Amino acid sequence: MTAFAIAHLRPAAPHPDIARYIEGIQVTMDPFGGRFRVHNAQVEVREGEWPGFVVVIEFPDIEAARAWYDSPAYQELLPLRTRHIAGDLVLVPGVADGYVASDTT
Protein backbone atom coordinates (compact mmCIF):
# COMPACT_ATOMS: atom_id res chain seq x y z
CA MET A 1 0.00 0.00 0.00
CA THR A 2 1.46 3.37 -0.95
CA ALA A 3 2.54 5.90 1.64
CA PHE A 4 3.28 9.59 1.54
CA ALA A 5 5.66 12.10 3.04
CA ILE A 6 3.67 15.33 3.32
CA ALA A 7 5.40 18.58 4.22
CA HIS A 8 3.77 21.92 5.03
CA LEU A 9 6.59 24.42 4.58
CA ARG A 10 6.50 28.12 5.41
CA PRO A 11 7.79 30.88 3.16
CA ALA A 12 11.52 31.51 3.41
CA ALA A 13 14.12 33.79 1.91
CA PRO A 14 16.25 32.22 -0.82
CA HIS A 15 19.47 30.69 0.49
CA PRO A 16 22.22 28.61 -1.14
CA ASP A 17 21.58 25.77 1.35
CA ILE A 18 17.99 25.50 0.13
CA ALA A 19 19.18 25.27 -3.47
CA ARG A 20 21.63 22.49 -2.47
CA TYR A 21 18.81 20.66 -0.68
CA ILE A 22 16.56 20.84 -3.74
CA GLU A 23 19.40 19.68 -6.00
CA GLY A 24 20.18 16.71 -3.75
CA ILE A 25 16.82 15.39 -2.55
CA GLN A 26 15.91 13.24 -5.57
CA VAL A 27 19.04 11.13 -5.19
CA THR A 28 18.05 10.37 -1.58
CA MET A 29 14.54 9.28 -2.65
CA ASP A 30 15.47 7.08 -5.61
CA PRO A 31 16.65 4.01 -3.63
CA PHE A 32 13.30 3.97 -1.79
CA GLY A 33 11.02 4.47 -4.81
CA GLY A 34 10.12 8.04 -3.81
CA ARG A 35 8.42 10.26 -6.39
CA PHE A 36 7.25 13.83 -6.09
CA ARG A 37 3.48 14.13 -6.47
CA VAL A 38 3.27 17.78 -5.37
CA HIS A 39 6.26 20.09 -5.06
CA ASN A 40 6.40 23.67 -3.85
CA ALA A 41 2.72 24.15 -4.67
CA GLN A 42 0.70 27.06 -3.41
CA VAL A 43 -2.52 25.79 -1.95
CA GLU A 44 -6.04 27.05 -2.50
CA VAL A 45 -7.31 27.52 1.05
CA ARG A 46 -10.99 26.67 1.46
CA GLU A 47 -11.09 26.29 5.25
CA GLY A 48 -8.84 27.71 7.94
CA GLU A 49 -5.39 29.07 7.25
CA TRP A 50 -2.44 27.51 5.47
CA PRO A 51 0.60 29.77 5.22
CA GLY A 52 3.24 28.46 2.87
CA PHE A 53 3.22 25.58 0.45
CA VAL A 54 2.93 21.81 0.34
CA VAL A 55 5.15 18.96 -0.83
CA VAL A 56 3.87 15.40 -1.30
CA ILE A 57 6.24 12.52 -1.99
CA GLU A 58 4.83 9.07 -2.76
CA PHE A 59 6.57 5.86 -1.67
CA PRO A 60 5.69 2.24 -2.39
CA ASP A 61 4.85 1.67 1.30
CA ILE A 62 5.29 3.14 4.77
CA GLU A 63 8.46 1.13 5.37
CA ALA A 64 10.09 2.73 2.32
CA ALA A 65 9.00 6.20 3.48
CA ARG A 66 10.50 5.59 6.93
CA ALA A 67 13.69 4.15 5.45
CA TRP A 68 14.09 7.21 3.19
CA TYR A 69 13.57 9.70 6.02
CA ASP A 70 15.92 7.81 8.35
CA SER A 71 18.56 7.14 5.68
CA PRO A 72 22.02 8.61 6.22
CA ALA A 73 21.83 10.35 2.84
CA TYR A 74 18.62 12.20 3.69
CA GLN A 75 19.63 12.92 7.28
CA GLU A 76 22.83 14.54 5.98
CA LEU A 77 20.84 16.70 3.55
CA LEU A 78 17.95 17.58 5.87
CA PRO A 79 19.63 20.39 7.87
CA LEU A 80 20.09 22.36 4.66
CA ARG A 81 16.29 22.78 4.65
CA THR A 82 15.46 22.84 8.36
CA ARG A 83 17.99 25.60 9.13
CA HIS A 84 16.18 27.93 6.72
CA ILE A 85 12.58 26.79 6.24
CA ALA A 86 10.15 26.26 9.09
CA GLY A 87 7.63 23.51 8.53
CA ASP A 88 6.06 20.22 9.44
CA LEU A 89 6.50 16.82 7.84
CA VAL A 90 4.45 13.67 8.37
CA LEU A 91 4.67 10.15 6.99
CA VAL A 92 1.28 8.63 6.37
CA PRO A 93 0.13 5.34 4.84
CA GLY A 94 -2.32 5.51 1.97
CA VAL A 95 -5.49 3.51 1.61
CA ALA A 96 -5.96 0.35 -0.43
CA ASP A 97 -7.46 0.44 -3.91
CA GLY A 98 -11.21 0.30 -3.65
CA TYR A 99 -11.27 1.94 -0.23
CA VAL A 100 -14.68 3.41 0.66
CA ALA A 101 -14.87 5.77 3.65
CA SER A 102 -18.28 4.53 4.70
CA ASP A 103 -16.88 1.01 5.16
CA THR A 104 -15.01 2.21 8.27
CA THR A 105 -18.07 3.19 10.28
C-alpha atoms as a PDB file:
ATOM      1  CA  MET A   1       0.000   0.000   0.000  1.00  0.00           C
ATOM      2  CA  THR A   2       1.458   3.370  -0.951  1.00  0.00           C
ATOM      3  CA  ALA A   3       2.543   5.898   1.643  1.00  0.00           C
ATOM      4  CA  PHE A   4       3.284   9.587   1.539  1.00  0.00           C
ATOM      5  CA  ALA A   5       5.662  12.096   3.043  1.00  0.00           C
ATOM      6  CA  ILE A   6       3.671  15.325   3.325  1.00  0.00           C
ATOM      7  CA  ALA A   7       5.399  18.580   4.218  1.00  0.00           C
ATOM      8  CA  HIS A   8       3.773  21.924   5.029  1.00  0.00           C
ATOM      9  CA  LEU A   9       6.594  24.418   4.583  1.00  0.00           C
ATOM     10  CA  ARG A  10       6.500  28.120   5.409  1.00  0.00           C
ATOM     11  CA  PRO A  11       7.786  30.880   3.160  1.00  0.00           C
ATOM     12  CA  ALA A  12      11.519  31.510   3.414  1.00  0.00           C
ATOM     13  CA  ALA A  13      14.116  33.787   1.908  1.00  0.00           C
ATOM     14  CA  PRO A  14      16.254  32.225  -0.825  1.00  0.00           C
ATOM     15  CA  HIS A  15      19.467  30.685   0.487  1.00  0.00           C
ATOM     16  CA  PRO A  16      22.224  28.615  -1.139  1.00  0.00           C
ATOM     17  CA  ASP A  17      21.584  25.775   1.349  1.00  0.00           C
ATOM     18  CA  ILE A  18      17.990  25.498   0.130  1.00  0.00           C
ATOM     19  CA  ALA A  19      19.182  25.273  -3.473  1.00  0.00           C
ATOM     20  CA  ARG A  20      21.632  22.495  -2.465  1.00  0.00           C
ATOM     21  CA  TYR A  21      18.811  20.661  -0.678  1.00  0.00           C
ATOM     22  CA  ILE A  22      16.561  20.838  -3.740  1.00  0.00           C
ATOM     23  CA  GLU A  23      19.397  19.680  -6.002  1.00  0.00           C
ATOM     24  CA  GLY A  24      20.177  16.714  -3.747  1.00  0.00           C
ATOM     25  CA  ILE A  25      16.818  15.388  -2.551  1.00  0.00           C
ATOM     26  CA  GLN A  26      15.913  13.245  -5.566  1.00  0.00           C
ATOM     27  CA  VAL A  27      19.045  11.127  -5.187  1.00  0.00           C
ATOM     28  CA  THR A  28      18.049  10.371  -1.577  1.00  0.00           C
ATOM     29  CA  MET A  29      14.539   9.283  -2.652  1.00  0.00           C
ATOM     30  CA  ASP A  30      15.473   7.080  -5.612  1.00  0.00           C
ATOM     31  CA  PRO A  31      16.655   4.014  -3.634  1.00  0.00           C
ATOM     32  CA  PHE A  32      13.295   3.969  -1.795  1.00  0.00           C
ATOM     33  CA  GLY A  33      11.023   4.468  -4.805  1.00  0.00           C
ATOM     34  CA  GLY A  34      10.123   8.036  -3.808  1.00  0.00           C
ATOM     35  CA  ARG A  35       8.418  10.255  -6.387  1.00  0.00           C
ATOM     36  CA  PHE A  36       7.248  13.832  -6.086  1.00  0.00           C
ATOM     37  CA  ARG A  37       3.479  14.135  -6.474  1.00  0.00           C
ATOM     38  CA  VAL A  38       3.265  17.776  -5.368  1.00  0.00           C
ATOM     39  CA  HIS A  39       6.262  20.089  -5.060  1.00  0.00           C
ATOM     40  CA  ASN A  40       6.395  23.667  -3.847  1.00  0.00           C
ATOM     41  CA  ALA A  41       2.718  24.148  -4.674  1.00  0.00           C
ATOM     42  CA  GLN A  42       0.699  27.063  -3.415  1.00  0.00           C
ATOM     43  CA  VAL A  43      -2.523  25.790  -1.950  1.00  0.00           C
ATOM     44  CA  GLU A  44      -6.039  27.049  -2.501  1.00  0.00           C
ATOM     45  CA  VAL A  45      -7.308  27.521   1.045  1.00  0.00           C
ATOM     46  CA  ARG A  46     -10.990  26.671   1.462  1.00  0.00           C
ATOM     47  CA  GLU A  47     -11.095  26.287   5.249  1.00  0.00           C
ATOM     48  CA  GLY A  48      -8.841  27.715   7.936  1.00  0.00           C
ATOM     49  CA  GLU A  49      -5.390  29.073   7.247  1.00  0.00           C
ATOM     50  CA  TRP A  50      -2.443  27.506   5.468  1.00  0.00           C
ATOM     51  CA  PRO A  51       0.597  29.766   5.220  1.00  0.00           C
ATOM     52  CA  GLY A  52       3.238  28.457   2.869  1.00  0.00           C
ATOM     53  CA  PHE A  53       3.217  25.580   0.447  1.00  0.00           C
ATOM     54  CA  VAL A  54       2.925  21.810   0.337  1.00  0.00           C
ATOM     55  CA  VAL A  55       5.146  18.962  -0.835  1.00  0.00           C
ATOM     56  CA  VAL A  56       3.870  15.403  -1.296  1.00  0.00           C
ATOM     57  CA  ILE A  57       6.239  12.519  -1.994  1.00  0.00           C
ATOM     58  CA  GLU A  58       4.830   9.068  -2.765  1.00  0.00           C
ATOM     59  CA  PHE A  59       6.572   5.858  -1.671  1.00  0.00           C
ATOM     60  CA  PRO A  60       5.690   2.235  -2.393  1.00  0.00           C
ATOM     61  CA  ASP A  61       4.848   1.668   1.296  1.00  0.00           C
ATOM     62  CA  ILE A  62       5.289   3.145   4.771  1.00  0.00           C
ATOM     63  CA  GLU A  63       8.457   1.132   5.370  1.00  0.00           C
ATOM     64  CA  ALA A  64      10.086   2.729   2.320  1.00  0.00           C
ATOM     65  CA  ALA A  65       8.997   6.197   3.479  1.00  0.00           C
ATOM     66  CA  ARG A  66      10.500   5.593   6.930  1.00  0.00           C
ATOM     67  CA  ALA A  67      13.687   4.153   5.450  1.00  0.00           C
ATOM     68  CA  TRP A  68      14.093   7.208   3.191  1.00  0.00           C
ATOM     69  CA  TYR A  69      13.565   9.702   6.020  1.00  0.00           C
ATOM     70  CA  ASP A  70      15.923   7.810   8.351  1.00  0.00           C
ATOM     71  CA  SER A  71      18.560   7.144   5.678  1.00  0.00           C
ATOM     72  CA  PRO A  72      22.023   8.606   6.221  1.00  0.00           C
ATOM     73  CA  ALA A  73      21.834  10.347   2.843  1.00  0.00           C
ATOM     74  CA  TYR A  74      18.619  12.204   3.692  1.00  0.00           C
ATOM     75  CA  GLN A  75      19.626  12.924   7.280  1.00  0.00           C
ATOM     76  CA  GLU A  76      22.826  14.536   5.982  1.00  0.00           C
ATOM     77  CA  LEU A  77      20.844  16.700   3.545  1.00  0.00           C
ATOM     78  CA  LEU A  78      17.946  17.578   5.870  1.00  0.00           C
ATOM     79  CA  PRO A  79      19.634  20.389   7.872  1.00  0.00           C
ATOM     80  CA  LEU A  80      20.090  22.355   4.655  1.00  0.00           C
ATOM     81  CA  ARG A  81      16.295  22.781   4.655  1.00  0.00           C
ATOM     82  CA  THR A  82      15.464  22.841   8.356  1.00  0.00           C
ATOM     83  CA  ARG A  83      17.986  25.600   9.131  1.00  0.00           C
ATOM     84  CA  HIS A  84      16.183  27.933   6.722  1.00  0.00           C
ATOM     85  CA  ILE A  85      12.579  26.788   6.236  1.00  0.00           C
ATOM     86  CA  ALA A  86      10.148  26.256   9.094  1.00  0.00           C
ATOM     87  CA  GLY A  87       7.630  23.508   8.529  1.00  0.00           C
ATOM     88  CA  ASP A  88       6.058  20.224   9.440  1.00  0.00           C
ATOM     89  CA  LEU A  89       6.503  16.815   7.839  1.00  0.00           C
ATOM     90  CA  VAL A  90       4.451  13.675   8.370  1.00  0.00           C
ATOM     91  CA  LEU A  91       4.673  10.151   6.990  1.00  0.00           C
ATOM     92  CA  VAL A  92       1.276   8.631   6.369  1.00  0.00           C
ATOM     93  CA  PRO A  93       0.133   5.338   4.840  1.00  0.00           C
ATOM     94  CA  GLY A  94      -2.315   5.512   1.968  1.00  0.00           C
ATOM     95  CA  VAL A  95      -5.490   3.509   1.612  1.00  0.00           C
ATOM     96  CA  ALA A  96      -5.957   0.349  -0.428  1.00  0.00           C
ATOM     97  CA  ASP A  97      -7.458   0.439  -3.912  1.00  0.00           C
ATOM     98  CA  GLY A  98     -11.214   0.299  -3.654  1.00  0.00           C
ATOM     99  CA  TYR A  99     -11.273   1.941  -0.233  1.00  0.00           C
ATOM    100  CA  VAL A 100     -14.680   3.408   0.662  1.00  0.00           C
ATOM    101  CA  ALA A 101     -14.866   5.769   3.653  1.00  0.00           C
ATOM    102  CA  SER A 102     -18.284   4.531   4.704  1.00  0.00           C
ATOM    103  CA  ASP A 103     -16.880   1.007   5.156  1.00  0.00           C
ATOM    104  CA  THR A 104     -15.006   2.208   8.270  1.00  0.00           C
ATOM    105  CA  THR A 105     -18.071   3.192  10.285  1.00  0.00           C
END
